[in-house]
C-alpha atoms as a PDB file:
ATOM      1  CA  MET A   1       0.000   0.000   0.000  1.00  0.00           C
ATOM      2  CA  LEU A   2       2.871   2.381   0.722  1.00  0.00           C
ATOM      3  CA  LYS A   3       3.687   2.658  -2.976  1.00  0.00           C
ATOM      4  CA  GLU A   4       0.093   3.370  -4.010  1.00  0.00           C
ATOM      5  CA  PRO A   5      -0.832   6.905  -5.125  1.00  0.00           C
ATOM      6  CA  VAL A   6      -3.275   9.079  -3.218  1.00  0.00           C
ATOM      7  CA  GLN A   7      -5.266  12.117  -4.315  1.00  0.00           C
ATOM      8  CA  ILE A   8      -5.510  15.305  -2.270  1.00  0.00           C
ATOM      9  CA  LYS A   9      -7.788  17.804  -4.002  1.00  0.00           C
ATOM     10  CA  ASN A  10      -6.176  18.367  -7.418  1.00  0.00           C
ATOM     11  CA  VAL A  11      -2.767  17.011  -6.356  1.00  0.00           C
ATOM     12  CA  THR A  12      -1.733  13.400  -6.903  1.00  0.00           C
ATOM     13  CA  LEU A  13       0.915  11.964  -4.584  1.00  0.00           C
ATOM     14  CA  LYS A  14       2.832   9.106  -6.176  1.00  0.00           C
ATOM     15  CA  ASN A  15       2.991   7.191  -2.900  1.00  0.00           C
ATOM     16  CA  ARG A  16       1.958   7.391   0.742  1.00  0.00           C
ATOM     17  CA  LEU A  17       5.331   8.240   2.260  1.00  0.00           C
ATOM     18  CA  VAL A  18       5.516  11.653   3.879  1.00  0.00           C
ATOM     19  CA  MET A  19       8.547  13.521   5.153  1.00  0.00           C
ATOM     20  CA  PRO A  20       6.966  15.484   8.006  1.00  0.00           C
ATOM     21  CA  PRO A  21       8.053  18.985   8.999  1.00  0.00           C
ATOM     22  CA  MET A  22      11.244  19.024  11.065  1.00  0.00           C
ATOM     23  CA  ALA A  23      12.786  22.358  11.963  1.00  0.00           C
ATOM     24  CA  THR A  24      16.352  22.859  10.749  1.00  0.00           C
ATOM     25  CA  TYR A  25      16.744  26.500  11.846  1.00  0.00           C
ATOM     26  CA  LYS A  26      19.330  26.955   9.118  1.00  0.00           C
ATOM     27  CA  THR A  27      18.470  30.441   7.835  1.00  0.00           C
ATOM     28  CA  ALA A  28      20.895  33.287   8.400  1.00  0.00           C
ATOM     29  CA  GLY A  29      18.429  34.800  10.859  1.00  0.00           C
ATOM     30  CA  ASP A  30      16.466  36.746   8.253  1.00  0.00           C
ATOM     31  CA  GLY A  31      14.064  33.908   7.488  1.00  0.00           C
ATOM     32  CA  LYS A  32      15.398  33.388   3.966  1.00  0.00           C
ATOM     33  CA  VAL A  33      16.196  29.949   2.595  1.00  0.00           C
ATOM     34  CA  THR A  34      19.931  29.242   2.526  1.00  0.00           C
ATOM     35  CA  LYS A  35      22.133  26.799   0.615  1.00  0.00           C
ATOM     36  CA  ASP A  36      22.309  24.678   3.775  1.00  0.00           C
ATOM     37  CA  ILE A  37      18.529  24.318   3.746  1.00  0.00           C
ATOM     38  CA  LEU A  38      18.419  23.519   0.041  1.00  0.00           C
ATOM     39  CA  ASP A  39      21.132  20.883   0.492  1.00  0.00           C
ATOM     40  CA  TYR A  40      19.316  19.374   3.484  1.00  0.00           C
ATOM     41  CA  TYR A  41      16.098  18.845   1.515  1.00  0.00           C
ATOM     42  CA  ASN A  42      17.804  17.866  -1.726  1.00  0.00           C
ATOM     43  CA  THR A  43      19.823  15.143   0.000  1.00  0.00           C
ATOM     44  CA  ARG A  44      16.648  13.511   1.306  1.00  0.00           C
ATOM     45  CA  ALA A  45      14.466  14.030  -1.767  1.00  0.00           C
ATOM     46  CA  GLU A  46      16.874  13.497  -4.666  1.00  0.00           C
ATOM     47  CA  GLY A  47      16.132   9.789  -4.989  1.00  0.00           C
ATOM     48  CA  GLY A  48      12.568  10.611  -5.963  1.00  0.00           C
ATOM     49  CA  LYS A  49      11.017   8.206  -3.455  1.00  0.00           C
ATOM     50  CA  ILE A  50       9.180  10.620  -1.115  1.00  0.00           C
ATOM     51  CA  GLY A  51       5.646  11.351  -2.277  1.00  0.00           C
ATOM     52  CA  LEU A  52       5.061  14.381  -0.061  1.00  0.00           C
ATOM     53  CA  ILE A  53       7.429  16.669   1.801  1.00  0.00           C
ATOM     54  CA  ILE A  54       5.918  19.065   4.323  1.00  0.00           C
ATOM     55  CA  THR A  55       8.587  21.658   4.916  1.00  0.00           C
ATOM     56  CA  GLU A  56       9.530  22.837   8.382  1.00  0.00           C
ATOM     57  CA  HIS A  57       7.294  25.273  10.209  1.00  0.00           C
ATOM     58  CA  GLY A  58       7.574  28.833   8.950  1.00  0.00           C
ATOM     59  CA  TYR A  59       6.479  31.862  10.906  1.00  0.00           C
ATOM     60  CA  ILE A  60       3.553  33.922   9.628  1.00  0.00           C
ATOM     61  CA  CYS A  61       4.469  37.116  11.498  1.00  0.00           C
ATOM     62  CA  ARG A  62       7.374  38.214  13.652  1.00  0.00           C
ATOM     63  CA  GLN A  63       5.300  37.927  16.832  1.00  0.00           C
ATOM     64  CA  GLY A  64       4.924  34.210  16.128  1.00  0.00           C
ATOM     65  CA  LYS A  65       8.562  33.440  15.332  1.00  0.00           C
ATOM     66  CA  ALA A  66       9.642  30.316  17.217  1.00  0.00           C
ATOM     67  CA  GLY A  67      13.408  30.574  16.716  1.00  0.00           C
ATOM     68  CA  GLU A  68      16.045  32.976  15.492  1.00  0.00           C
ATOM     69  CA  LYS A  69      16.864  31.049  12.307  1.00  0.00           C
ATOM     70  CA  GLN A  70      13.342  29.871  11.431  1.00  0.00           C
ATOM     71  CA  ILE A  71      12.054  30.093   7.837  1.00  0.00           C
ATOM     72  CA  SER A  72       9.760  33.041   7.130  1.00  0.00           C
ATOM     73  CA  PHE A  73       6.447  33.283   5.292  1.00  0.00           C
ATOM     74  CA  ALA A  74       5.809  36.664   6.909  1.00  0.00           C
ATOM     75  CA  ASP A  75       6.782  39.019   4.108  1.00  0.00           C
ATOM     76  CA  ASP A  76       6.459  39.254   0.332  1.00  0.00           C
ATOM     77  CA  ALA A  77      10.230  39.667   0.244  1.00  0.00           C
ATOM     78  CA  ASP A  78      10.477  35.976   1.235  1.00  0.00           C
ATOM     79  CA  LEU A  79       8.976  34.776  -2.047  1.00  0.00           C
ATOM     80  CA  ASN A  80      12.125  34.359  -4.141  1.00  0.00           C
ATOM     81  CA  SER A  81      13.776  32.471  -1.319  1.00  0.00           C
ATOM     82  CA  LEU A  82      10.825  30.103  -0.917  1.00  0.00           C
ATOM     83  CA  LYS A  83      10.623  29.492  -4.664  1.00  0.00           C
ATOM     84  CA  LYS A  84      14.150  28.051  -4.608  1.00  0.00           C
ATOM     85  CA  LEU A  85      13.128  25.496  -1.991  1.00  0.00           C
ATOM     86  CA  VAL A  86      10.008  24.436  -3.871  1.00  0.00           C
ATOM     87  CA  GLU A  87      12.004  24.092  -7.093  1.00  0.00           C
ATOM     88  CA  VAL A  88      14.429  21.684  -5.409  1.00  0.00           C
ATOM     89  CA  LEU A  89      11.591  19.493  -4.125  1.00  0.00           C
ATOM     90  CA  HIS A  90       9.738  19.476  -7.436  1.00  0.00           C
ATOM     91  CA  GLN A  91      12.908  18.660  -9.374  1.00  0.00           C
ATOM     92  CA  CYS A  92      13.300  15.624  -7.117  1.00  0.00           C
ATOM     93  CA  GLY A  93       9.758  14.511  -7.903  1.00  0.00           C
ATOM     94  CA  SER A  94       8.135  15.264  -4.553  1.00  0.00           C
ATOM     95  CA  LYS A  95       5.041  17.328  -3.894  1.00  0.00           C
ATOM     96  CA  ALA A  96       5.548  20.108  -1.363  1.00  0.00           C
ATOM     97  CA  ILE A  97       3.303  21.514   1.360  1.00  0.00           C
ATOM     98  CA  ALA A  98       4.282  24.531   3.463  1.00  0.00           C
ATOM     99  CA  GLN A  99       3.633  24.362   7.200  1.00  0.00           C
ATOM    100  CA  LEU A 100       2.530  27.755   8.548  1.00  0.00           C
ATOM    101  CA  ASN A 101       2.832  28.526  12.232  1.00  0.00           C
ATOM    102  CA  HIS A 102       2.477  31.066  15.026  1.00  0.00           C
ATOM    103  CA  ALA A 103       4.425  29.995  18.101  1.00  0.00           C
ATOM    104  CA  GLY A 104       2.281  31.845  20.640  1.00  0.00           C
ATOM    105  CA  SER A 105       3.785  31.584  24.111  1.00  0.00           C
ATOM    106  CA  ALA A 106       6.466  29.245  22.748  1.00  0.00           C
ATOM    107  CA  ALA A 107       8.075  32.347  21.234  1.00  0.00           C
ATOM    108  CA  SER A 108      10.704  34.372  23.036  1.00  0.00           C
ATOM    109  CA  ALA A 109      10.844  38.136  23.438  1.00  0.00           C
ATOM    110  CA  ALA A 110      14.586  37.935  22.762  1.00  0.00           C
ATOM    111  CA  VAL A 111      13.787  36.619  19.264  1.00  0.00           C
ATOM    112  CA  THR A 112      10.634  38.550  18.383  1.00  0.00           C
ATOM    113  CA  GLY A 113      11.163  41.790  20.290  1.00  0.00           C
ATOM    114  CA  GLU A 114       7.623  41.428  21.603  1.00  0.00           C
ATOM    115  CA  ARG A 115       5.975  39.949  24.674  1.00  0.00           C
ATOM    116  CA  PRO A 116       4.786  36.412  23.956  1.00  0.00           C
ATOM    117  CA  VAL A 117       1.040  35.928  23.517  1.00  0.00           C
ATOM    118  CA  SER A 118      -1.331  33.012  23.951  1.00  0.00           C
ATOM    119  CA  ALA A 119      -4.933  31.967  24.388  1.00  0.00           C
ATOM    120  CA  SER A 120      -4.535  32.635  28.124  1.00  0.00           C
ATOM    121  CA  SER A 121      -1.896  34.079  30.431  1.00  0.00           C
ATOM    122  CA  MET A 122      -0.438  30.702  31.326  1.00  0.00           C
ATOM    123  CA  ILE A 123       2.974  29.060  31.173  1.00  0.00           C
ATOM    124  CA  LEU A 124       3.067  26.062  28.832  1.00  0.00           C
ATOM    125  CA  PRO A 125       2.900  22.713  30.680  1.00  0.00           C
ATOM    126  CA  VAL A 126       5.622  21.146  28.526  1.00  0.00           C
ATOM    127  CA  THR A 127       8.946  19.462  29.204  1.00  0.00           C
ATOM    128  CA  PRO A 128      11.491  20.705  28.313  1.00  0.00           C
ATOM    129  CA  PRO A 129      10.173  24.280  28.618  1.00  0.00           C
ATOM    130  CA  MET A 130       9.371  26.306  25.507  1.00  0.00           C
ATOM    131  CA  GLY A 131       9.547  30.067  25.119  1.00  0.00           C
ATOM    132  CA  ASP A 132      11.347  32.409  27.477  1.00  0.00           C
ATOM    133  CA  GLY A 133       9.553  31.452  30.672  1.00  0.00           C
ATOM    134  CA  SER A 134       7.551  34.662  30.872  1.00  0.00           C
ATOM    135  CA  ILE A 135       3.795  34.759  31.365  1.00  0.00           C
ATOM    136  CA  PRO A 136       2.220  35.497  27.964  1.00  0.00           C
ATOM    137  CA  ALA A 137      -0.370  38.179  27.295  1.00  0.00           C
ATOM    138  CA  GLU A 138      -3.887  36.909  26.589  1.00  0.00           C
ATOM    139  CA  LEU A 139      -4.834  37.785  23.033  1.00  0.00           C
ATOM    140  CA  THR A 140      -7.751  40.125  22.419  1.00  0.00           C
ATOM    141  CA  ALA A 141     -10.389  39.366  19.796  1.00  0.00           C
ATOM    142  CA  GLU A 142      -8.888  42.076  17.590  1.00  0.00           C
ATOM    143  CA  GLN A 143      -5.417  40.552  17.882  1.00  0.00           C
ATOM    144  CA  ILE A 144      -6.815  37.115  17.067  1.00  0.00           C
ATOM    145  CA  ALA A 145      -8.321  38.550  13.882  1.00  0.00           C
ATOM    146  CA  ASP A 146      -4.911  39.942  12.917  1.00  0.00           C
ATOM    147  CA  ILE A 147      -3.312  36.520  13.390  1.00  0.00           C
ATOM    148  CA  VAL A 148      -6.014  34.832  11.324  1.00  0.00           C
ATOM    149  CA  GLN A 149      -5.286  37.310   8.529  1.00  0.00           C
ATOM    150  CA  ALA A 150      -1.551  36.658   8.867  1.00  0.00           C
ATOM    151  CA  PHE A 151      -2.175  32.944   8.264  1.00  0.00           C
ATOM    152  CA  ALA A 152      -4.138  33.800   5.118  1.00  0.00           C
ATOM    153  CA  ASP A 153      -1.458  36.170   3.849  1.00  0.00           C
ATOM    154  CA  ALA A 154       1.247  33.561   4.458  1.00  0.00           C
ATOM    155  CA  ALA A 155      -0.805  30.946   2.600  1.00  0.00           C
ATOM    156  CA  VAL A 156      -0.972  33.219  -0.430  1.00  0.00           C
ATOM    157  CA  ARG A 157       2.824  33.574  -0.352  1.00  0.00           C
ATOM    158  CA  ALA A 158       3.215  29.801  -0.199  1.00  0.00           C
ATOM    159  CA  LYS A 159       0.937  29.392  -3.191  1.00  0.00           C
ATOM    160  CA  GLU A 160       2.772  32.085  -5.134  1.00  0.00           C
ATOM    161  CA  ALA A 161       6.072  30.374  -4.301  1.00  0.00           C
ATOM    162  CA  GLY A 162       4.810  27.221  -6.017  1.00  0.00           C
ATOM    163  CA  TYR A 163       3.917  25.038  -3.041  1.00  0.00           C
ATOM    164  CA  ASP A 164       1.314  22.356  -3.799  1.00  0.00           C
ATOM    165  CA  GLY A 165      -0.587  23.151  -0.598  1.00  0.00           C
ATOM    166  CA  VAL A 166      -0.368  24.601   2.889  1.00  0.00           C
ATOM    167  CA  GLU A 167      -0.649  23.123   6.358  1.00  0.00           C
ATOM    168  CA  ILE A 168      -2.011  25.109   9.310  1.00  0.00           C
ATOM    169  CA  HIS A 169      -0.015  24.152  12.411  1.00  0.00           C
ATOM    170  CA  SER A 170      -2.058  23.362  15.516  1.00  0.00           C
ATOM    171  CA  ALA A 171       0.179  20.854  17.263  1.00  0.00           C
ATOM    172  CA  HIS A 172       3.212  20.586  19.544  1.00  0.00           C
ATOM    173  CA  ALA A 173       2.062  23.304  21.980  1.00  0.00           C
ATOM    174  CA  TYR A 174       2.153  26.178  19.485  1.00  0.00           C
ATOM    175  CA  LEU A 175      -0.472  28.936  19.375  1.00  0.00           C
ATOM    176  CA  LEU A 176      -3.460  27.267  17.730  1.00  0.00           C
ATOM    177  CA  ASN A 177      -2.807  24.192  19.843  1.00  0.00           C
ATOM    178  CA  GLN A 178      -2.764  26.480  22.899  1.00  0.00           C
ATOM    179  CA  PHE A 179      -6.321  27.491  22.004  1.00  0.00           C
ATOM    180  CA  TYR A 180      -7.352  23.855  21.410  1.00  0.00           C
ATOM    181  CA  SER A 181      -6.019  22.367  24.647  1.00  0.00           C
ATOM    182  CA  PRO A 182      -7.998  22.886  27.860  1.00  0.00           C
ATOM    183  CA  LEU A 183      -4.655  22.892  29.678  1.00  0.00           C
ATOM    184  CA  THR A 184      -3.731  26.245  28.134  1.00  0.00           C
ATOM    185  CA  ASN A 185      -7.075  27.814  27.241  1.00  0.00           C
ATOM    186  CA  GLN A 186      -8.870  29.240  30.268  1.00  0.00           C
ATOM    187  CA  ARG A 187     -10.718  31.956  28.370  1.00  0.00           C
ATOM    188  CA  THR A 188     -14.316  32.869  29.202  1.00  0.00           C
ATOM    189  CA  ASP A 189     -15.175  34.534  25.896  1.00  0.00           C
ATOM    190  CA  ALA A 190     -16.160  33.059  22.512  1.00  0.00           C
ATOM    191  CA  TYR A 191     -12.686  31.510  22.114  1.00  0.00           C
ATOM    192  CA  GLY A 192     -12.689  29.507  25.349  1.00  0.00           C
ATOM    193  CA  GLY A 193     -14.661  27.034  27.396  1.00  0.00           C
ATOM    194  CA  SER A 194     -16.381  24.471  25.166  1.00  0.00           C
ATOM    195  CA  LEU A 195     -14.468  22.553  22.519  1.00  0.00           C
ATOM    196  CA  ASP A 196     -16.462  24.375  19.849  1.00  0.00           C
ATOM    197  CA  ASN A 197     -15.257  27.674  21.253  1.00  0.00           C
ATOM    198  CA  ARG A 198     -11.670  26.460  21.534  1.00  0.00           C
ATOM    199  CA  LEU A 199     -11.876  25.527  17.847  1.00  0.00           C
ATOM    200  CA  ARG A 200     -13.234  28.929  16.817  1.00  0.00           C
ATOM    201  CA  ILE A 201      -9.810  30.320  15.854  1.00  0.00           C
ATOM    202  CA  HIS A 202      -9.239  27.193  13.742  1.00  0.00           C
ATOM    203  CA  ARG A 203     -12.514  27.610  11.865  1.00  0.00           C
ATOM    204  CA  GLU A 204     -11.757  31.277  11.269  1.00  0.00           C
ATOM    205  CA  THR A 205      -8.230  30.510  10.089  1.00  0.00           C
ATOM    206  CA  ILE A 206      -9.392  27.758   7.742  1.00  0.00           C
ATOM    207  CA  ALA A 207     -12.055  30.050   6.287  1.00  0.00           C
ATOM    208  CA  ALA A 208      -9.577  32.898   5.786  1.00  0.00           C
ATOM    209  CA  VAL A 209      -6.950  30.652   4.207  1.00  0.00           C
ATOM    210  CA  ARG A 210      -9.506  28.993   1.936  1.00  0.00           C
ATOM    211  CA  ALA A 211     -10.841  32.379   0.789  1.00  0.00           C
ATOM    212  CA  ALA A 212      -7.279  33.526   0.094  1.00  0.00           C
ATOM    213  CA  VAL A 213      -6.013  30.510  -1.877  1.00  0.00           C
ATOM    214  CA  GLY A 214      -9.212  29.476  -3.647  1.00  0.00           C
ATOM    215  CA  PRO A 215     -11.399  26.347  -3.665  1.00  0.00           C
ATOM    216  CA  ASP A 216      -9.028  23.983  -5.478  1.00  0.00           C
ATOM    217  CA  TYR A 217      -5.819  24.489  -3.484  1.00  0.00           C
ATOM    218  CA  PRO A 218      -5.043  21.799  -0.885  1.00  0.00           C
ATOM    219  CA  VAL A 219      -5.248  22.991   2.725  1.00  0.00           C
ATOM    220  CA  ALA A 220      -4.236  20.726   5.612  1.00  0.00           C
ATOM    221  CA  VAL A 221      -4.240  21.000   9.390  1.00  0.00           C
ATOM    222  CA  ARG A 222      -1.647  19.447  11.659  1.00  0.00           C
ATOM    223  CA  LEU A 223      -3.497  18.750  14.853  1.00  0.00           C
ATOM    224  CA  GLY A 224      -1.948  17.919  18.189  1.00  0.00           C
ATOM    225  CA  GLY A 225      -5.132  16.056  18.849  1.00  0.00           C
ATOM    226  CA  CYS A 226      -4.402  14.508  22.235  1.00  0.00           C
ATOM    227  CA  ASP A 227      -2.258  15.843  25.067  1.00  0.00           C
ATOM    228  CA  TYR A 228      -2.005  12.417  26.706  1.00  0.00           C
ATOM    229  CA  MET A 229      -2.060  14.296  30.030  1.00  0.00           C
ATOM    230  CA  GLU A 230      -4.605  14.482  32.826  1.00  0.00           C
ATOM    231  CA  GLY A 231      -7.065  17.286  32.105  1.00  0.00           C
ATOM    232  CA  GLY A 232      -5.797  17.715  28.562  1.00  0.00           C
ATOM    233  CA  SER A 233      -7.277  17.160  25.134  1.00  0.00           C
ATOM    234  CA  THR A 234      -8.490  13.645  24.370  1.00  0.00           C
ATOM    235  CA  ILE A 235      -8.819  11.292  21.425  1.00  0.00           C
ATOM    236  CA  GLU A 236     -12.552  12.059  21.445  1.00  0.00           C
ATOM    237  CA  ASP A 237     -11.664  15.747  21.099  1.00  0.00           C
ATOM    238  CA  SER A 238      -9.420  14.971  18.138  1.00  0.00           C
ATOM    239  CA  VAL A 239     -12.206  13.079  16.369  1.00  0.00           C
ATOM    240  CA  TYR A 240     -14.656  15.915  16.911  1.00  0.00           C
ATOM    241  CA  ALA A 241     -12.113  18.545  15.831  1.00  0.00           C
ATOM    242  CA  SER A 242     -11.241  16.599  12.689  1.00  0.00           C
ATOM    243  CA  ARG A 243     -14.905  16.427  11.701  1.00  0.00           C
ATOM    244  CA  VAL A 244     -15.156  20.176  12.238  1.00  0.00           C
ATOM    245  CA  PHE A 245     -12.081  20.717  10.059  1.00  0.00           C
ATOM    246  CA  GLU A 246     -13.484  18.538   7.289  1.00  0.00           C
ATOM    247  CA  GLU A 247     -16.768  20.421   7.357  1.00  0.00           C
ATOM    248  CA  ALA A 248     -14.811  23.690   7.227  1.00  0.00           C
ATOM    249  CA  GLY A 249     -13.079  22.582   4.020  1.00  0.00           C
ATOM    250  CA  ILE A 250      -9.824  20.940   5.076  1.00  0.00           C
ATOM    251  CA  ASP A 251      -8.404  18.416   2.578  1.00  0.00           C
ATOM    252  CA  LEU A 252      -5.863  16.587   4.750  1.00  0.00           C
ATOM    253  CA  ILE A 253      -5.493  15.939   8.496  1.00  0.00           C
ATOM    254  CA  ASP A 254      -1.983  15.436   9.856  1.00  0.00           C
ATOM    255  CA  LEU A 255      -2.006  14.075  13.415  1.00  0.00           C
ATOM    256  CA  SER A 256       0.566  14.416  16.157  1.00  0.00           C
ATOM    257  CA  GLY A 257       0.810  15.207  19.852  1.00  0.00           C
ATOM    258  CA  GLY A 258      -0.386  18.283  21.690  1.00  0.00           C
ATOM    259  CA  MET A 259       1.266  19.366  24.927  1.00  0.00           C
ATOM    260  CA  CYS A 260       3.285  16.137  24.818  1.00  0.00           C
ATOM    261  CA  ARG A 261       4.625  17.504  21.529  1.00  0.00           C
ATOM    262  CA  PHE A 262       5.870  14.901  19.003  1.00  0.00           C
ATOM    263  CA  THR A 263       6.559  12.144  21.533  1.00  0.00           C
ATOM    264  CA  ARG A 264       4.301  10.070  23.752  1.00  0.00           C
ATOM    265  CA  PRO A 265       5.557   9.237  27.237  1.00  0.00           C
ATOM    266  CA  GLY A 266       6.153   5.516  27.658  1.00  0.00           C
ATOM    267  CA  HIS A 267       5.697   4.746  23.962  1.00  0.00           C
ATOM    268  CA  GLU A 268       8.291   4.121  21.273  1.00  0.00           C
ATOM    269  CA  GLU A 269       6.445   1.636  19.073  1.00  0.00           C
ATOM    270  CA  ALA A 270       5.807   2.308  15.409  1.00  0.00           C
ATOM    271  CA  GLY A 271       2.829   4.616  15.029  1.00  0.00           C
ATOM    272  CA  TYR A 272       2.546   5.487  18.713  1.00  0.00           C
ATOM    273  CA  PHE A 273      -0.296   7.921  17.962  1.00  0.00           C
ATOM    274  CA  LYS A 274      -2.256   5.272  16.036  1.00  0.00           C
ATOM    275  CA  ASP A 275      -5.039   4.995  18.620  1.00  0.00           C
ATOM    276  CA  MET A 276      -5.866   8.600  17.756  1.00  0.00           C
ATOM    277  CA  SER A 277      -5.236   8.422  14.001  1.00  0.00           C
ATOM    278  CA  ALA A 278      -7.337   5.258  13.558  1.00  0.00           C
ATOM    279  CA  ALA A 279     -10.243   6.877  15.405  1.00  0.00           C
ATOM    280  CA  VAL A 280      -9.979  10.004  13.259  1.00  0.00           C
ATOM    281  CA  LYS A 281      -9.630   8.040  10.016  1.00  0.00           C
ATOM    282  CA  ALA A 282     -12.812   6.137  10.826  1.00  0.00           C
ATOM    283  CA  ALA A 283     -14.670   9.414  11.345  1.00  0.00           C
ATOM    284  CA  VAL A 284     -13.623  11.510   8.320  1.00  0.00           C
ATOM    285  CA  ASN A 285     -13.463  11.135   4.560  1.00  0.00           C
ATOM    286  CA  VAL A 286     -10.272  13.115   3.926  1.00  0.00           C
ATOM    287  CA  PRO A 287      -6.812  11.490   4.067  1.00  0.00           C
ATOM    288  CA  VAL A 288      -5.089  11.197   7.441  1.00  0.00           C
ATOM    289  CA  ILE A 289      -1.332  11.248   8.120  1.00  0.00           C
ATOM    290  CA  LEU A 290       0.217   9.325  11.017  1.00  0.00           C
ATOM    291  CA  THR A 291       3.784  10.063  12.120  1.00  0.00           C
ATOM    292  CA  GLY A 292       5.782   8.698  15.043  1.00  0.00           C
ATOM    293  CA  GLY A 293       8.178   5.851  15.665  1.00  0.00           C
ATOM    294  CA  VAL A 294       8.147   4.339  12.157  1.00  0.00           C
ATOM    295  CA  LYS A 295      11.576   2.932  11.319  1.00  0.00           C
ATOM    296  CA  THR A 296      10.948   0.539   8.422  1.00  0.00           C
ATOM    297  CA  ALA A 297       8.794   0.281   5.320  1.00  0.00           C
ATOM    298  CA  GLU A 298       7.303  -2.911   6.767  1.00  0.00           C
ATOM    299  CA  GLU A 299       6.065  -0.992   9.799  1.00  0.00           C
ATOM    300  CA  ALA A 300       4.555   1.640   7.525  1.00  0.00           C
ATOM    301  CA  GLU A 301       2.827  -1.042   5.451  1.00  0.00           C
ATOM    302  CA  GLN A 302       1.395  -2.665   8.566  1.00  0.00           C
ATOM    303  CA  LEU A 303      -0.036   0.623   9.842  1.00  0.00           C
ATOM    304  CA  LEU A 304      -1.671   1.257   6.476  1.00  0.00           C
ATOM    305  CA  ALA A 305      -3.065  -2.268   6.377  1.00  0.00           C
ATOM    306  CA  GLU A 306      -4.502  -1.852   9.895  1.00  0.00           C
ATOM    307  CA  GLY A 307      -6.367   1.273   8.810  1.00  0.00           C
ATOM    308  CA  ALA A 308      -4.377   3.479  11.177  1.00  0.00           C
ATOM    309  CA  ALA A 309      -3.915   6.159   8.494  1.00  0.00           C
ATOM    310  CA  ASP A 310      -3.833   6.868   4.768  1.00  0.00           C
ATOM    311  CA  LEU A 311      -0.282   8.231   4.691  1.00  0.00           C
ATOM    312  CA  ILE A 312       2.725   7.551   6.906  1.00  0.00           C
ATOM    313  CA  GLY A 313       5.226  10.141   8.041  1.00  0.00           C
ATOM    314  CA  VAL A 314       8.820   9.110   8.617  1.00  0.00           C
ATOM    315  CA  GLY A 315      10.729  11.813  10.421  1.00  0.00           C
ATOM    316  CA  ARG A 316      13.634  10.860  12.658  1.00  0.00           C
ATOM    317  CA  GLU A 317      14.804   8.042  10.387  1.00  0.00           C
ATOM    318  CA  LEU A 318      15.072  10.487   7.469  1.00  0.00           C
ATOM    319  CA  LEU A 319      16.780  12.963   9.768  1.00  0.00           C
ATOM    320  CA  LYS A 320      19.389  10.363  10.751  1.00  0.00           C
ATOM    321  CA  ASN A 321      19.687   8.704   7.338  1.00  0.00           C
ATOM    322  CA  PRO A 322      18.948  10.972   4.348  1.00  0.00           C
ATOM    323  CA  LYS A 323      18.835   7.913   2.068  1.00  0.00           C
ATOM    324  CA  TRP A 324      16.180   6.072   4.109  1.00  0.00           C
ATOM    325  CA  ALA A 325      13.536   6.406   1.394  1.00  0.00           C
ATOM    326  CA  ASP A 326      15.876   5.142  -1.318  1.00  0.00           C
ATOM    327  CA  GLU A 327      16.804   2.128   0.808  1.00  0.00           C
ATOM    328  CA  ASN A 328      13.283   1.247   1.930  1.00  0.00           C
ATOM    329  CA  LEU A 329      11.071   1.873  -1.102  1.00  0.00           C
END
C-alpha cells in the first residue's frame, strides 16, 4: 500500500510516504532559505522516493517566530527564497506543502522583540520548557483577527512560491494548539470554554486561508489532537475537531501530539499515535497522516493495512539517514 498513489484535491501523490516537517533553523536569521537548507532537503528528496514533503514550520508574522533562524512566510520579500526550496523538491519529484505557524507563548521576546502571547496568560505545561519562561499576554479578539489574517497572507505567499498546498499548524504546543487544549485555554469569551469555542480560531483561520487561496488548493491541518495528560485534550476531542475541520473545508489531516509535543511518554512503538489516528480516520473522509516511531517500510505497510492512516510520516529516520527512502522503497 505504501507505494500506491493518493489524491488530495487536485494534487496526486505518487505514494503514501511523507517527510513530516522538522525544523532545521538553518536560515541566516532573516528567514530566507539558505544553501544549507536547500542541500538538506535535496539530500533527502533526490532519490525521488518521497511522495510528499511538508517543509519545516515557517512563521507567519514576527510575533509568532519560534526561533532565530526559522524560515519566514511573513513578508512578500520571502517569495524568491521560498521558490528556490520548492524548485528543489519538485525537481526531485516530490510534492511540497508549506507548514505555517504562530508559536504563541512558545516564542521568546529575545527573538521577536515582543511579549509572547497566547490563548490565556499561562505558562506552557511542557517538558522541556518552551519560550522564554515569561507569562504570555492573553490575546484580544482584535489581535486574534490579525493573526487569522496573517495565516491567510502567508498561505498566499506559499501558493505564489509554487507550493502544492499549505498546512495550518495546531500541534506541539504552538499557538493554535494552545487554544485547542484545555490545559492552556482558560478563556471565558467566545474563544474559550467548550471545545467548539476552543476551535473557533481554527474555523476562522481555515475560512480565511480557503478564501485567500481558492477552492481547489489543498489545505491541511496538523493537529496535536491529544495531550495524553490528565485534564488535557483527548482522542474524542481529536475526532470531533477533525470532523469540524473537514466540514470547514480541510483536505488533509496530519495528526501528532499536543502538549506532549511529538513524543508520547512511555511509547516508542511504530505509530505510537495510532489509537488517535485510527479513530480520526474512521470518522472523516479526507486522508489522514500518522507520524511517530516508524523505522521501516514494513512498519509503515502494517499501519496502512490496519487502517491506522492513509499516509505515513517518517521523520527521525530520514533525519538520521537521508537515504532512508531510497533504501526502503
